[in-house]
């Protein structure tokens, strides 16, 4: 099925048929009633994913909302939020649709159910764009659920977004943030004390690509040890999309009070600097490993 409409957005002509056949990956899992097309909306950095699919970027959606003539459709298109959009992007689109000629042709109900991004206290990120997860929800004492929320502007998307899938290190960072968020929300006293996380081990197993669709982090606490000075956790996190696990990350980390770590960190920093100077002195005096050979540079 295709929908074809032409209108004017400012001084530009926009053709909706460029979206292509109105089918999405969800079609295989959730059969759709006739005349209820689904269209995925993603950030600009995932524009390659939209080619030939029932998907568009948020910039294309803005152009459609700015058309002065209403589209002719049998049923409203269901717009499915995907990855790459910021909270501000989504809020601006919902504000724009209120006065758009297309407001009766586009169904934004899923946008109002989009999960809330984890704030600074949970993700330990100052910039909202760098928070890659939702606030965690508790399933039971050992299991928690979070949503993957990628913003085009996040630090790991700055200069390394190739192809159509999500980069592997982006997912590892999202899982690392889930370690912080679940622990902060459910395992640490809310008395204003600041804690520091020490990561002892993180291992990732990649099973398949993740694409800019909704995805969830299934978090399980495998073991925890609590003492007067620290807490140690062993966890597993499966990142799932379209009812299949794409990545599994296991990790071990220790949580200590911030003031305790600062003393230890200061001592270790002093020791590291002294060792570095000692190595430089030994190399200068001809003792110890030889410095690397000089390399001639052309030009």
Protein backbone atom coordinates (compact mmCIF):
# COMPACT_ATOMS: atom_id res chain seq x y z
CA UNK A 1 0.00 0.00 0.00
CA UNK A 2 1.17 3.52 -0.82
CA UNK A 3 -0.23 6.90 0.10
CA UNK A 4 0.45 9.68 -2.38
CA UNK A 5 -0.03 13.32 -1.56
CA UNK A 6 1.68 16.49 -2.64
CA UNK A 7 1.64 19.71 -0.71
CA UNK A 8 3.67 22.78 0.03
CA UNK A 9 5.72 23.33 3.18
CA UNK A 10 6.98 26.88 3.02
CA UNK A 11 8.49 27.09 -0.47
CA UNK A 12 9.17 23.34 -0.73
CA UNK A 13 7.13 20.65 -2.39
CA UNK A 14 6.80 17.48 -0.32
CA UNK A 15 5.74 14.13 -1.74
CA UNK A 16 4.61 11.61 0.87
CA UNK A 17 4.86 8.66 -1.50
CA UNK A 18 8.63 8.87 -1.03
CA UNK A 19 8.11 7.02 2.24
CA UNK A 20 7.48 3.84 0.27
CA UNK A 21 5.28 0.87 1.09
CA UNK A 22 3.66 1.33 4.46
CA UNK A 23 5.04 -1.75 6.15
CA UNK A 24 7.29 -1.98 9.19
CA UNK A 25 9.24 -4.70 11.01
CA UNK A 26 6.34 -4.80 13.50
CA UNK A 27 4.11 -6.24 10.74
CA UNK A 28 5.64 -9.68 11.26
CA UNK A 29 4.85 -9.65 14.97
CA UNK A 30 1.67 -7.57 15.17
CA UNK A 31 -0.66 -8.17 12.18
CA UNK A 32 -2.35 -4.90 11.31
CA UNK A 33 -5.96 -4.30 10.52
CA UNK A 34 -6.54 -3.14 6.96
CA UNK A 35 -6.05 0.55 6.24
CA UNK A 36 -4.09 1.19 9.46
CA UNK A 37 -0.53 1.79 8.24
CA UNK A 38 2.40 2.08 10.64
CA UNK A 39 5.21 4.55 9.93
CA UNK A 40 8.41 4.62 12.00
CA UNK A 41 9.97 8.02 12.85
CA UNK A 42 13.70 8.18 13.63
CA UNK A 43 16.47 10.75 14.08
CA UNK A 44 18.35 12.24 11.12
CA UNK A 45 21.40 10.03 11.62
CA UNK A 46 19.26 6.99 10.79
CA UNK A 47 18.02 8.35 7.47
CA UNK A 48 19.60 5.43 5.57
CA UNK A 49 17.33 3.08 7.51
CA UNK A 50 14.29 4.86 6.06
CA UNK A 51 15.12 4.24 2.39
CA UNK A 52 12.61 1.85 0.86
CA UNK A 53 10.84 1.28 4.15
CA UNK A 54 7.75 2.56 5.91
CA UNK A 55 9.84 5.00 7.91
CA UNK A 56 10.80 8.66 7.87
CA UNK A 57 13.13 11.00 9.70
CA UNK A 58 11.84 13.60 12.10
CA UNK A 59 12.76 16.33 9.58
CA UNK A 60 10.52 14.68 6.98
CA UNK A 61 7.72 14.48 9.53
CA UNK A 62 8.06 18.21 10.25
CA UNK A 63 7.71 18.96 6.55
CA UNK A 64 4.53 16.89 6.37
CA UNK A 65 3.08 18.67 9.41
CA UNK A 66 3.79 22.00 7.73
CA UNK A 67 1.79 21.13 4.61
CA UNK A 68 -1.06 23.59 4.16
CA UNK A 69 -3.31 20.96 2.56
CA UNK A 70 -4.51 17.91 4.47
CA UNK A 71 -3.38 14.53 3.17
CA UNK A 72 -6.04 12.25 1.71
CA UNK A 73 -5.85 8.91 3.57
CA UNK A 74 -8.34 6.15 4.28
CA UNK A 75 -7.28 5.83 7.90
CA UNK A 76 -4.88 7.81 10.10
CA UNK A 77 -1.26 6.66 9.88
CA UNK A 78 0.08 5.37 13.19
CA UNK A 79 3.41 7.09 13.83
CA UNK A 80 5.79 4.84 15.76
CA UNK A 81 8.60 6.60 17.66
CA UNK A 82 12.04 5.13 17.07
CA UNK A 83 15.61 5.91 18.09
CA UNK A 84 17.51 9.14 17.49
CA UNK A 85 14.99 11.70 18.71
CA UNK A 86 15.52 13.93 21.72
CA UNK A 87 12.85 14.71 24.28
CA UNK A 88 12.74 18.25 22.87
CA UNK A 89 12.27 16.88 19.34
CA UNK A 90 9.27 14.86 20.40
CA UNK A 91 7.74 17.73 22.41
CA UNK A 92 8.12 20.12 19.46
CA UNK A 93 6.42 17.67 17.09
CA UNK A 94 3.49 17.18 19.48
CA UNK A 95 3.14 20.95 19.76
CA UNK A 96 3.28 21.39 15.98
CA UNK A 97 0.61 18.78 15.31
CA UNK A 98 -1.91 20.73 17.39
CA UNK A 99 -2.23 23.37 14.66
CA UNK A 100 -1.32 21.22 11.65
CA UNK A 101 -3.72 20.48 8.81
CA UNK A 102 -2.60 16.85 9.20
CA UNK A 103 -3.71 16.42 12.82
CA UNK A 104 -6.62 14.14 11.87
CA UNK A 105 -4.53 12.01 9.50
CA UNK A 106 -1.67 11.13 11.86
CA UNK A 107 -2.04 9.07 15.03
CA UNK A 108 0.47 10.11 17.72
CA UNK A 109 -0.96 7.98 20.55
CA UNK A 110 2.28 5.97 20.92
CA UNK A 111 4.26 9.18 21.46
CA UNK A 112 2.30 9.93 24.62
CA UNK A 113 3.35 6.54 26.03
CA UNK A 114 7.07 7.00 25.32
CA UNK A 115 9.10 6.26 28.49
CA UNK A 116 10.77 9.01 30.49
CA UNK A 117 14.53 9.36 30.09
CA UNK A 118 16.69 8.71 33.16
CA UNK A 119 17.89 11.95 34.71
CA UNK A 120 21.33 12.94 35.98
CA UNK A 121 20.90 11.30 39.38
CA UNK A 122 20.37 7.88 37.76
CA UNK A 123 22.48 7.96 34.59
CA UNK A 124 25.31 10.15 35.99
CA UNK A 125 25.18 12.22 32.78
CA UNK A 126 24.97 16.00 32.91
CA UNK A 127 23.60 16.42 29.38
CA UNK A 128 20.21 14.77 28.76
CA UNK A 129 21.30 13.74 25.26
CA UNK A 130 23.97 11.48 26.78
CA UNK A 131 21.48 9.54 28.88
CA UNK A 132 20.71 6.43 26.81
CA UNK A 133 18.13 4.74 29.04
CA UNK A 134 14.74 5.26 30.61
CA UNK A 135 14.02 5.30 34.30
CA UNK A 136 14.17 1.66 35.50
CA UNK A 137 11.05 -0.30 36.50
CA UNK A 138 11.15 -3.05 39.08
CA UNK A 139 9.80 -6.48 38.07
CA UNK A 140 10.83 -8.32 41.25
CA UNK A 141 13.71 -8.27 43.74
CA UNK A 142 16.26 -9.34 41.14
CA UNK A 143 14.77 -8.23 37.81
CA UNK A 144 14.33 -4.76 36.32
CA UNK A 145 13.33 -3.32 32.97
CA UNK A 146 14.62 -0.24 31.14
CA UNK A 147 14.08 1.16 27.65
CA UNK A 148 16.81 2.12 25.23
CA UNK A 149 16.52 5.82 24.34
CA UNK A 150 19.11 7.00 21.81
CA UNK A 151 19.41 10.72 21.05
CA UNK A 152 21.15 11.76 17.79
CA UNK A 153 23.10 14.33 19.80
CA UNK A 154 24.63 11.90 22.31
CA UNK A 155 28.41 11.84 22.63
CA UNK A 156 28.82 8.38 21.10
CA UNK A 157 26.86 9.31 17.95
CA UNK A 158 29.03 12.34 17.22
CA UNK A 159 31.33 10.91 14.56
CA UNK A 160 30.72 7.17 14.41
CA UNK A 161 27.32 6.32 12.99
CA UNK A 162 27.73 4.06 9.97
CA UNK A 163 25.11 2.03 8.19
CA UNK A 164 21.67 1.40 9.61
CA UNK A 165 22.27 -0.43 12.89
CA UNK A 166 23.22 0.82 16.35
CA UNK A 167 26.92 0.75 17.13
CA UNK A 168 28.13 -1.87 19.60
CA UNK A 169 29.83 0.55 22.00
CA UNK A 170 26.64 2.60 22.17
CA UNK A 171 24.86 -0.46 23.58
CA UNK A 172 27.64 -1.22 26.07
CA UNK A 173 27.38 2.35 27.35
CA UNK A 174 23.60 2.00 27.69
CA UNK A 175 24.09 -1.17 29.74
CA UNK A 176 26.76 0.53 31.86
CA UNK A 177 24.27 3.31 32.59
CA UNK A 178 21.70 0.68 33.58
CA UNK A 179 24.14 -0.58 36.25
CA UNK A 180 24.15 2.92 37.73
CA UNK A 181 20.43 3.61 37.37
CA UNK A 182 19.11 0.38 38.90
CA UNK A 183 21.58 0.56 41.79
CA UNK A 184 20.88 4.23 42.51
CA UNK A 185 17.11 3.75 42.35
CA UNK A 186 16.72 0.49 44.27
CA UNK A 187 19.85 -0.47 46.23
CA UNK A 188 21.32 2.69 47.74
CA UNK A 189 19.94 4.73 50.64
CA UNK A 190 18.32 8.00 49.57
CA UNK A 191 20.03 10.10 52.23
CA UNK A 192 22.10 12.42 50.07
CA UNK A 193 25.29 10.36 50.33
CA UNK A 194 27.28 10.29 47.08
CA UNK A 195 28.55 6.95 45.82
CA UNK A 196 31.22 5.98 43.35
CA UNK A 197 31.01 2.97 41.02
CA UNK A 198 34.09 0.87 40.32
CA UNK A 199 33.70 -1.46 37.35
CA UNK A 200 35.61 -4.68 37.89
CA UNK A 201 34.51 -6.56 34.76
CA UNK A 202 32.26 -5.98 31.74
CA UNK A 203 31.86 -8.59 28.98
CA UNK A 204 29.57 -8.31 25.96
CA UNK A 205 28.26 -11.01 23.63
CA UNK A 206 26.79 -9.67 20.38
CA UNK A 207 24.19 -11.93 18.77
CA UNK A 208 22.63 -9.74 16.07
CA UNK A 209 22.32 -6.13 14.96
CA UNK A 210 20.01 -3.71 16.71
CA UNK A 211 18.20 -1.18 14.52
CA UNK A 212 16.67 2.21 15.41
CA UNK A 213 13.48 0.66 16.77
CA UNK A 214 12.25 0.38 20.34
CA UNK A 215 14.44 -1.90 22.47
CA UNK A 216 14.47 -2.95 26.12
CA UNK A 217 17.17 -3.78 28.64
CA UNK A 218 16.27 -6.80 30.78
CA UNK A 219 18.38 -6.42 33.92
CA UNK A 220 19.00 -9.28 36.37
CA UNK A 221 20.95 -9.17 39.63
CA UNK A 222 22.79 -12.50 39.84
CA UNK A 223 24.59 -11.87 43.12
CA UNK A 224 25.18 -9.08 45.60
CA UNK A 225 27.45 -8.70 48.60
CA UNK A 226 26.92 -5.96 51.16
CA UNK A 227 29.45 -4.85 53.77
CA UNK A 228 29.84 -1.81 55.98
CA UNK A 229 32.10 -0.08 53.44
CA UNK A 230 30.90 -1.28 50.04
CA UNK A 231 28.38 -3.16 47.91
CA UNK A 232 29.37 -5.56 45.16
CA UNK A 233 27.01 -6.64 42.37
CA UNK A 234 27.16 -9.29 39.67
CA UNK A 235 24.56 -8.63 36.96
CA UNK A 236 23.44 -9.71 33.51
CA UNK A 237 21.63 -7.48 31.02
CA UNK A 238 19.99 -8.70 27.84
CA UNK A 239 19.16 -6.05 25.23
CA UNK A 240 16.10 -7.20 23.31
CA UNK A 241 14.34 -5.97 20.20
CA UNK A 242 11.35 -7.45 18.34
CA UNK A 243 11.12 -10.29 20.91
CA UNK A 244 14.71 -11.41 20.34
CA UNK A 245 17.92 -10.87 22.32
CA UNK A 246 20.57 -8.96 20.36
CA UNK A 247 23.22 -8.33 23.03
CA UNK A 248 23.98 -9.87 26.41
CA UNK A 249 26.29 -8.04 28.80
CA UNK A 250 27.57 -9.38 32.12
CA UNK A 251 29.24 -7.18 34.66
CA UNK A 252 30.72 -7.00 38.13
CA UNK A 253 30.98 -3.67 39.89
CA UNK A 254 31.57 -2.32 43.38
CA UNK A 255 29.88 0.70 44.94
CA UNK A 256 31.69 2.69 47.63
CA UNK A 257 31.05 5.99 49.32
CA UNK A 258 32.52 8.89 47.38
CA UNK A 259 34.64 10.19 50.25
CA UNK A 260 36.23 6.76 50.81
CA UNK A 261 37.20 6.45 47.16
CA UNK A 262 38.63 9.95 46.96
CA UNK A 263 41.24 9.08 49.62
CA UNK A 264 42.18 5.88 47.81
CA UNK A 265 42.22 7.60 44.43
CA UNK A 266 44.51 10.35 45.75
CA UNK A 267 47.01 7.80 47.08
CA UNK A 268 46.96 5.78 43.83
CA UNK A 269 47.38 8.92 41.70
CA UNK A 270 50.43 9.94 43.76
CA UNK A 271 51.88 6.46 43.40
CA UNK A 272 51.28 6.39 39.63
CA UNK A 273 52.96 9.76 39.09
CA UNK A 274 56.00 8.76 41.16
CA UNK A 275 56.31 5.52 39.17
CA UNK A 276 56.06 7.41 35.89
CA UNK A 277 58.83 9.82 36.87
CA UNK A 278 61.01 6.93 38.02
CA UNK A 279 60.57 5.19 34.65
CA UNK A 280 61.44 8.39 32.75
CA UNK A 281 64.59 8.84 34.87
CA UNK A 282 65.67 5.25 34.33
CA UNK A 283 65.25 5.55 30.56
CA UNK A 284 67.16 8.83 30.50
CA UNK A 285 70.08 7.26 32.39
CA UNK A 286 70.18 4.22 30.10
CA UNK A 287 68.56 1.88 32.58
CA UNK A 288 65.40 -0.04 31.85
CA UNK A 289 63.52 -0.38 28.56
CA UNK A 290 64.95 1.57 25.65
CA UNK A 291 62.85 4.44 24.32
CA UNK A 292 61.16 3.86 20.94
CA UNK A 293 63.38 4.54 17.90
CA UNK A 294 63.13 7.89 16.20
CA UNK A 295 60.94 7.95 13.12
CA UNK A 296 61.81 10.15 10.17
CA UNK A 297 58.86 12.22 8.95
CA UNK A 298 58.53 13.23 5.33
CA UNK A 299 57.29 16.68 4.40
